[in-house]
Amino acid sequence: MFSENHCERQTKNDPLSDFINVMADLIDEVIALEGSPAVGDRCDCFNGERTTRCVECPINELKCDSCFLAKHDDMPFHHAEKWNGSFFAKGSQCQLGRVIYVGHGSKPCPLTSPPQMLTVVDVTGIHTCRIMYCSCGKASDGEGSNVVEKWRQLVRVGLIPASIRSPATACTIPMLKQHHLLNTVGKLSTMDYATTLRRLTNGSSPLSVPVRM
């Protein structure tokens, strides 16, 4: 039989008991993450107010829209949460003015043309993006004077289009690899995976998330 002292020592070293002891404070801390006392403060750039934070980054420091976009130049598929006066509303970087340039690295094509809309499916969810294609035929990742096809420009930056003629939807390679792994190991169907991504994008209204093929 266990002695009372042994039971007391076991209770003191029980990780679950540690959580129970601080559960009220833990819940308060988690709820506090939904807001921020820094909303409206001047950003570090001194040119805007702190209104926007990242959903995927581990440190979701509030920044102005311009600083948020600058920080996420290499992470265009991270969602942005923007303070709307009552709560942080989740949205895409496109809503903040993000344009994704292809054909010339991260730089715009010298031959000005209007950006085109593209739905990008990523492991972080489904994003509505503005894409600026190369129209001058002098893409930095190609040769010759002919304009590189749009589907080829997308593939060269890791976006696999759902259509060759007129790409309206594209999938990132990490998303395709994740889907393949979940389907192979967990037998998760494509429909269930797509539903999960839609809920990840907008949990309250997943059917409103646009998906075009």
C-alpha atoms as a PDB file:
ATOM      1  CA  MET A   1       0.000   0.000   0.000  1.00  0.00           C
ATOM      2  CA  PHE A   2       1.115   3.543  -0.698  1.00  0.00           C
ATOM      3  CA  SER A   3       1.805   5.748   2.293  1.00  0.00           C
ATOM      4  CA  GLU A   4       0.142   9.141   2.690  1.00  0.00           C
ATOM      5  CA  ASN A   5       3.537  10.821   2.229  1.00  0.00           C
ATOM      6  CA  HIS A   6       4.040   9.011  -1.069  1.00  0.00           C
ATOM      7  CA  CYS A   7       0.619  10.158  -2.307  1.00  0.00           C
ATOM      8  CA  GLU A   8       1.379  13.737  -1.277  1.00  0.00           C
ATOM      9  CA  ARG A   9       4.711  13.678  -3.138  1.00  0.00           C
ATOM     10  CA  GLN A  10       3.023  12.196  -6.217  1.00  0.00           C
ATOM     11  CA  THR A  11       0.362  14.931  -6.177  1.00  0.00           C
ATOM     12  CA  LYS A  12       2.974  17.677  -5.842  1.00  0.00           C
ATOM     13  CA  ASN A  13       4.894  16.319  -8.863  1.00  0.00           C
ATOM     14  CA  ASP A  14       1.802  15.734 -11.005  1.00  0.00           C
ATOM     15  CA  PRO A  15       1.924  17.991 -14.132  1.00  0.00           C
ATOM     16  CA  LEU A  16      -1.875  17.893 -14.388  1.00  0.00           C
ATOM     17  CA  SER A  17      -2.178  19.315 -10.884  1.00  0.00           C
ATOM     18  CA  ASP A  18       0.142  22.154 -11.900  1.00  0.00           C
ATOM     19  CA  PHE A  19      -2.241  23.092 -14.700  1.00  0.00           C
ATOM     20  CA  ILE A  20      -5.279  22.850 -12.433  1.00  0.00           C
ATOM     21  CA  ASN A  21      -3.657  25.201  -9.927  1.00  0.00           C
ATOM     22  CA  VAL A  22      -3.117  27.932 -12.527  1.00  0.00           C
ATOM     23  CA  MET A  23      -6.098  27.215 -14.806  1.00  0.00           C
ATOM     24  CA  ALA A  24      -7.936  30.477 -14.042  1.00  0.00           C
ATOM     25  CA  ASP A  25      -4.843  32.585 -14.746  1.00  0.00           C
ATOM     26  CA  LEU A  26      -4.055  30.523 -17.858  1.00  0.00           C
ATOM     27  CA  ILE A  27      -7.520  31.168 -19.287  1.00  0.00           C
ATOM     28  CA  ASP A  28      -7.160  34.901 -18.577  1.00  0.00           C
ATOM     29  CA  GLU A  29      -3.842  34.992 -20.425  1.00  0.00           C
ATOM     30  CA  VAL A  30      -5.263  33.185 -23.462  1.00  0.00           C
ATOM     31  CA  ILE A  31      -8.316  35.469 -23.609  1.00  0.00           C
ATOM     32  CA  ALA A  32      -6.028  38.506 -23.349  1.00  0.00           C
ATOM     33  CA  LEU A  33      -4.398  37.432 -26.629  1.00  0.00           C
ATOM     34  CA  GLU A  34      -7.651  38.313 -28.430  1.00  0.00           C
ATOM     35  CA  GLY A  35      -7.002  41.998 -27.752  1.00  0.00           C
ATOM     36  CA  SER A  36      -3.994  44.247 -27.355  1.00  0.00           C
ATOM     37  CA  PRO A  37      -3.348  47.360 -25.270  1.00  0.00           C
ATOM     38  CA  ALA A  38      -1.059  48.627 -28.053  1.00  0.00           C
ATOM     39  CA  VAL A  39      -3.883  49.137 -30.585  1.00  0.00           C
ATOM     40  CA  GLY A  40      -3.709  52.666 -31.953  1.00  0.00           C
ATOM     41  CA  ASP A  41      -0.201  53.372 -30.669  1.00  0.00           C
ATOM     42  CA  ARG A  42       2.324  54.869 -33.084  1.00  0.00           C
ATOM     43  CA  CYS A  43       4.247  52.229 -35.039  1.00  0.00           C
ATOM     44  CA  ASP A  44       8.043  51.994 -34.918  1.00  0.00           C
ATOM     45  CA  CYS A  45       8.202  53.660 -38.343  1.00  0.00           C
ATOM     46  CA  PHE A  46       6.380  56.734 -36.911  1.00  0.00           C
ATOM     47  CA  ASN A  47       4.240  56.830 -40.073  1.00  0.00           C
ATOM     48  CA  GLY A  48       1.242  54.804 -38.980  1.00  0.00           C
ATOM     49  CA  GLU A  49      -0.720  53.293 -36.106  1.00  0.00           C
ATOM     50  CA  ARG A  50      -0.421  49.764 -34.742  1.00  0.00           C
ATOM     51  CA  THR A  51      -3.487  47.967 -36.086  1.00  0.00           C
ATOM     52  CA  THR A  52      -2.320  44.753 -37.744  1.00  0.00           C
ATOM     53  CA  ARG A  53      -0.760  41.514 -36.559  1.00  0.00           C
ATOM     54  CA  CYS A  54       0.127  38.129 -38.064  1.00  0.00           C
ATOM     55  CA  VAL A  55      -1.866  34.970 -37.427  1.00  0.00           C
ATOM     56  CA  GLU A  56       0.914  32.487 -38.230  1.00  0.00           C
ATOM     57  CA  CYS A  57       4.014  34.187 -36.789  1.00  0.00           C
ATOM     58  CA  PRO A  58       4.838  33.096 -33.208  1.00  0.00           C
ATOM     59  CA  ILE A  59       5.365  36.707 -32.115  1.00  0.00           C
ATOM     60  CA  ASN A  60       2.284  38.614 -33.286  1.00  0.00           C
ATOM     61  CA  GLU A  61       3.512  42.122 -32.592  1.00  0.00           C
ATOM     62  CA  LEU A  62       1.154  44.871 -33.723  1.00  0.00           C
ATOM     63  CA  LYS A  63       2.384  46.950 -36.657  1.00  0.00           C
ATOM     64  CA  CYS A  64       0.996  49.386 -39.183  1.00  0.00           C
ATOM     65  CA  ASP A  65      -0.031  47.954 -42.562  1.00  0.00           C
ATOM     66  CA  SER A  66       3.156  49.106 -44.307  1.00  0.00           C
ATOM     67  CA  CYS A  67       5.480  47.573 -41.709  1.00  0.00           C
ATOM     68  CA  PHE A  68       3.420  44.374 -41.672  1.00  0.00           C
ATOM     69  CA  LEU A  69       3.798  43.994 -45.439  1.00  0.00           C
ATOM     70  CA  ALA A  70       7.516  44.800 -45.302  1.00  0.00           C
ATOM     71  CA  LYS A  71       8.067  42.140 -42.632  1.00  0.00           C
ATOM     72  CA  HIS A  72       6.166  39.577 -44.713  1.00  0.00           C
ATOM     73  CA  ASP A  73       7.808  40.158 -48.105  1.00  0.00           C
ATOM     74  CA  ASP A  74       8.911  36.507 -48.106  1.00  0.00           C
ATOM     75  CA  MET A  75       5.739  35.243 -46.394  1.00  0.00           C
ATOM     76  CA  PRO A  76       2.855  36.420 -48.611  1.00  0.00           C
ATOM     77  CA  PHE A  77       0.566  33.606 -47.472  1.00  0.00           C
ATOM     78  CA  HIS A  78       0.429  34.525 -43.798  1.00  0.00           C
ATOM     79  CA  HIS A  79      -2.968  35.856 -42.750  1.00  0.00           C
ATOM     80  CA  ALA A  80      -3.302  39.325 -41.286  1.00  0.00           C
ATOM     81  CA  GLU A  81      -5.539  40.272 -38.381  1.00  0.00           C
ATOM     82  CA  LYS A  82      -6.557  43.925 -38.524  1.00  0.00           C
ATOM     83  CA  TRP A  83      -8.281  45.799 -35.700  1.00  0.00           C
ATOM     84  CA  ASN A  84     -11.700  47.041 -36.906  1.00  0.00           C
ATOM     85  CA  GLY A  85     -12.618  48.997 -33.809  1.00  0.00           C
ATOM     86  CA  SER A  86     -14.187  46.067 -31.978  1.00  0.00           C
ATOM     87  CA  PHE A  87     -12.026  43.012 -32.651  1.00  0.00           C
ATOM     88  CA  PHE A  88      -9.224  41.660 -34.851  1.00  0.00           C
ATOM     89  CA  ALA A  89     -10.711  40.642 -38.211  1.00  0.00           C
ATOM     90  CA  LYS A  90      -8.806  37.977 -40.136  1.00  0.00           C
ATOM     91  CA  GLY A  91      -7.970  38.711 -43.768  1.00  0.00           C
ATOM     92  CA  SER A  92      -5.405  38.293 -46.523  1.00  0.00           C
ATOM     93  CA  GLN A  93      -2.411  40.493 -47.280  1.00  0.00           C
ATOM     94  CA  CYS A  94      -4.127  41.399 -50.539  1.00  0.00           C
ATOM     95  CA  GLN A  95      -6.535  43.503 -48.488  1.00  0.00           C
ATOM     96  CA  LEU A  96      -3.554  45.477 -47.213  1.00  0.00           C
ATOM     97  CA  GLY A  97      -2.264  46.128 -50.734  1.00  0.00           C
ATOM     98  CA  ARG A  98       0.057  43.173 -51.283  1.00  0.00           C
ATOM     99  CA  VAL A  99       1.018  42.454 -54.916  1.00  0.00           C
ATOM    100  CA  ILE A 100       3.027  39.297 -55.684  1.00  0.00           C
ATOM    101  CA  TYR A 101       5.475  39.785 -58.542  1.00  0.00           C
ATOM    102  CA  VAL A 102       6.579  36.824 -60.678  1.00  0.00           C
ATOM    103  CA  GLY A 103       8.983  36.656 -63.585  1.00  0.00           C
ATOM    104  CA  HIS A 104      11.440  39.182 -62.141  1.00  0.00           C
ATOM    105  CA  GLY A 105      11.952  37.767 -58.685  1.00  0.00           C
ATOM    106  CA  SER A 106      10.165  40.025 -56.217  1.00  0.00           C
ATOM    107  CA  LYS A 107      10.395  43.068 -58.494  1.00  0.00           C
ATOM    108  CA  PRO A 108       7.681  44.394 -60.839  1.00  0.00           C
ATOM    109  CA  CYS A 109       7.959  43.920 -64.591  1.00  0.00           C
ATOM    110  CA  PRO A 110       9.334  46.995 -66.413  1.00  0.00           C
ATOM    111  CA  LEU A 111       6.368  46.748 -68.805  1.00  0.00           C
ATOM    112  CA  THR A 112       3.495  47.963 -66.655  1.00  0.00           C
ATOM    113  CA  SER A 113       0.353  45.847 -66.711  1.00  0.00           C
ATOM    114  CA  PRO A 114      -2.582  45.556 -64.299  1.00  0.00           C
ATOM    115  CA  PRO A 115      -2.307  42.793 -61.667  1.00  0.00           C
ATOM    116  CA  GLN A 116      -4.576  39.770 -61.973  1.00  0.00           C
ATOM    117  CA  MET A 117      -6.432  37.981 -59.195  1.00  0.00           C
ATOM    118  CA  LEU A 118      -5.367  34.476 -58.214  1.00  0.00           C
ATOM    119  CA  THR A 119      -6.694  32.151 -55.515  1.00  0.00           C
ATOM    120  CA  VAL A 120      -3.729  30.490 -53.790  1.00  0.00           C
ATOM    121  CA  VAL A 121      -4.217  27.374 -51.666  1.00  0.00           C
ATOM    122  CA  ASP A 122      -1.521  27.021 -49.015  1.00  0.00           C
ATOM    123  CA  VAL A 123      -1.021  25.094 -45.760  1.00  0.00           C
ATOM    124  CA  THR A 124      -2.062  28.291 -43.963  1.00  0.00           C
ATOM    125  CA  GLY A 125      -5.397  28.417 -45.790  1.00  0.00           C
ATOM    126  CA  ILE A 126      -6.890  29.901 -48.951  1.00  0.00           C
ATOM    127  CA  HIS A 127      -5.768  33.338 -50.069  1.00  0.00           C
ATOM    128  CA  THR A 128      -7.051  35.839 -52.630  1.00  0.00           C
ATOM    129  CA  CYS A 129      -3.932  37.368 -54.189  1.00  0.00           C
ATOM    130  CA  ARG A 130      -2.960  39.997 -56.720  1.00  0.00           C
ATOM    131  CA  ILE A 131      -0.364  38.622 -59.148  1.00  0.00           C
ATOM    132  CA  MET A 132       1.797  40.773 -61.420  1.00  0.00           C
ATOM    133  CA  TYR A 133       3.109  38.692 -64.315  1.00  0.00           C
ATOM    134  CA  CYS A 134       6.073  39.462 -66.569  1.00  0.00           C
ATOM    135  CA  SER A 135       4.837  40.967 -69.845  1.00  0.00           C
ATOM    136  CA  CYS A 136       8.126  42.144 -71.341  1.00  0.00           C
ATOM    137  CA  GLY A 137       9.569  38.746 -72.307  1.00  0.00           C
ATOM    138  CA  LYS A 138      12.750  39.390 -70.336  1.00  0.00           C
ATOM    139  CA  ALA A 139      12.027  37.461 -67.173  1.00  0.00           C
ATOM    140  CA  SER A 140      15.100  36.991 -65.014  1.00  0.00           C
ATOM    141  CA  ASP A 141      14.458  33.251 -64.758  1.00  0.00           C
ATOM    142  CA  GLY A 142      13.973  32.656 -68.498  1.00  0.00           C
ATOM    143  CA  GLU A 143      15.725  33.163 -71.792  1.00  0.00           C
ATOM    144  CA  GLY A 144      14.692  34.604 -75.137  1.00  0.00           C
ATOM    145  CA  SER A 145      12.498  37.503 -76.126  1.00  0.00           C
ATOM    146  CA  ASN A 146       9.125  35.711 -76.034  1.00  0.00           C
ATOM    147  CA  VAL A 147       6.779  36.317 -73.145  1.00  0.00           C
ATOM    148  CA  VAL A 148       6.918  33.360 -70.729  1.00  0.00           C
ATOM    149  CA  GLU A 149       3.538  31.680 -70.257  1.00  0.00           C
ATOM    150  CA  LYS A 150       1.707  32.576 -67.044  1.00  0.00           C
ATOM    151  CA  TRP A 151       1.525  28.990 -65.861  1.00  0.00           C
ATOM    152  CA  ARG A 152       5.284  28.654 -66.293  1.00  0.00           C
ATOM    153  CA  GLN A 153       5.940  31.865 -64.352  1.00  0.00           C
ATOM    154  CA  LEU A 154       3.781  30.534 -61.499  1.00  0.00           C
ATOM    155  CA  VAL A 155       5.526  27.156 -61.406  1.00  0.00           C
ATOM    156  CA  ARG A 156       8.928  28.861 -61.248  1.00  0.00           C
ATOM    157  CA  VAL A 157       7.941  30.508 -57.943  1.00  0.00           C
ATOM    158  CA  GLY A 158       6.485  27.295 -56.503  1.00  0.00           C
ATOM    159  CA  LEU A 159       2.823  27.764 -57.421  1.00  0.00           C
ATOM    160  CA  ILE A 160       1.200  24.875 -59.294  1.00  0.00           C
ATOM    161  CA  PRO A 161      -1.747  26.198 -61.349  1.00  0.00           C
ATOM    162  CA  ALA A 162      -5.049  24.351 -61.626  1.00  0.00           C
ATOM    163  CA  SER A 163      -5.382  25.497 -65.231  1.00  0.00           C
ATOM    164  CA  ILE A 164      -2.805  25.937 -67.976  1.00  0.00           C
ATOM    165  CA  ARG A 165      -4.690  28.312 -70.262  1.00  0.00           C
ATOM    166  CA  SER A 166      -6.076  30.823 -67.748  1.00  0.00           C
ATOM    167  CA  PRO A 167      -4.804  30.170 -64.205  1.00  0.00           C
ATOM    168  CA  ALA A 168      -7.339  31.282 -61.596  1.00  0.00           C
ATOM    169  CA  THR A 169      -6.249  28.956 -58.775  1.00  0.00           C
ATOM    170  CA  ALA A 170      -2.821  27.692 -57.762  1.00  0.00           C
ATOM    171  CA  CYS A 171      -1.503  25.436 -55.002  1.00  0.00           C
ATOM    172  CA  THR A 172       1.775  25.829 -53.156  1.00  0.00           C
ATOM    173  CA  ILE A 173       4.138  22.857 -53.167  1.00  0.00           C
ATOM    174  CA  PRO A 174       4.162  22.558 -49.322  1.00  0.00           C
ATOM    175  CA  MET A 175       0.348  22.316 -49.425  1.00  0.00           C
ATOM    176  CA  LEU A 176       0.443  19.545 -52.045  1.00  0.00           C
ATOM    177  CA  LYS A 177       3.057  17.632 -50.024  1.00  0.00           C
ATOM    178  CA  GLN A 178       1.033  17.995 -46.825  1.00  0.00           C
ATOM    179  CA  HIS A 179      -2.151  16.820 -48.550  1.00  0.00           C
ATOM    180  CA  HIS A 180      -0.337  13.794 -49.980  1.00  0.00           C
ATOM    181  CA  LEU A 181       1.079  12.883 -46.567  1.00  0.00           C
ATOM    182  CA  LEU A 182      -2.272  13.245 -44.766  1.00  0.00           C
ATOM    183  CA  ASN A 183      -4.000  11.241 -47.475  1.00  0.00           C
ATOM    184  CA  THR A 184      -1.372   8.486 -47.399  1.00  0.00           C
ATOM    185  CA  VAL A 185      -0.900   8.208 -43.637  1.00  0.00           C
ATOM    186  CA  GLY A 186      -4.259   9.381 -42.270  1.00  0.00           C
ATOM    187  CA  LYS A 187      -6.524   8.470 -45.230  1.00  0.00           C
ATOM    188  CA  LEU A 188      -7.829  12.046 -45.243  1.00  0.00           C
ATOM    189  CA  SER A 189      -9.876  12.655 -48.375  1.00  0.00           C
ATOM    190  CA  THR A 190      -9.313  15.634 -50.654  1.00  0.00           C
ATOM    191  CA  MET A 191     -12.783  16.950 -49.777  1.00  0.00           C
ATOM    192  CA  ASP A 192     -12.050  16.814 -46.025  1.00  0.00           C
ATOM    193  CA  TYR A 193      -8.670  18.482 -46.537  1.00  0.00           C
ATOM    194  CA  ALA A 194     -10.216  21.269 -48.616  1.00  0.00           C
ATOM    195  CA  THR A 195     -12.936  21.746 -45.979  1.00  0.00           C
ATOM    196  CA  THR A 196     -10.249  21.985 -43.294  1.00  0.00           C
ATOM    197  CA  LEU A 197      -8.397  24.684 -45.251  1.00  0.00           C
ATOM    198  CA  ARG A 198     -11.620  26.665 -45.712  1.00  0.00           C
ATOM    199  CA  ARG A 199     -12.334  26.497 -41.971  1.00  0.00           C
ATOM    200  CA  LEU A 200      -8.735  27.466 -41.255  1.00  0.00           C
ATOM    201  CA  THR A 201      -9.253  30.528 -43.439  1.00  0.00           C
ATOM    202  CA  ASN A 202     -12.665  31.494 -42.047  1.00  0.00           C
ATOM    203  CA  GLY A 203     -13.937  29.343 -39.206  1.00  0.00           C
ATOM    204  CA  SER A 204     -17.231  31.203 -38.774  1.00  0.00           C
ATOM    205  CA  SER A 205     -18.195  31.160 -42.461  1.00  0.00           C
ATOM    206  CA  PRO A 206     -16.126  28.578 -44.365  1.00  0.00           C
ATOM    207  CA  LEU A 207     -18.501  28.445 -47.334  1.00  0.00           C
ATOM    208  CA  SER A 208     -17.764  32.109 -48.055  1.00  0.00           C
ATOM    209  CA  VAL A 209     -14.123  31.265 -48.838  1.00  0.00           C
ATOM    210  CA  PRO A 210     -13.746  31.400 -52.642  1.00  0.00           C
ATOM    211  CA  VAL A 211     -12.267  28.416 -54.441  1.00  0.00           C
ATOM    212  CA  ARG A 212     -11.952  28.488 -58.223  1.00  0.00           C
ATOM    213  CA  MET A 213     -10.532  25.871 -60.548  1.00  0.00           C
END
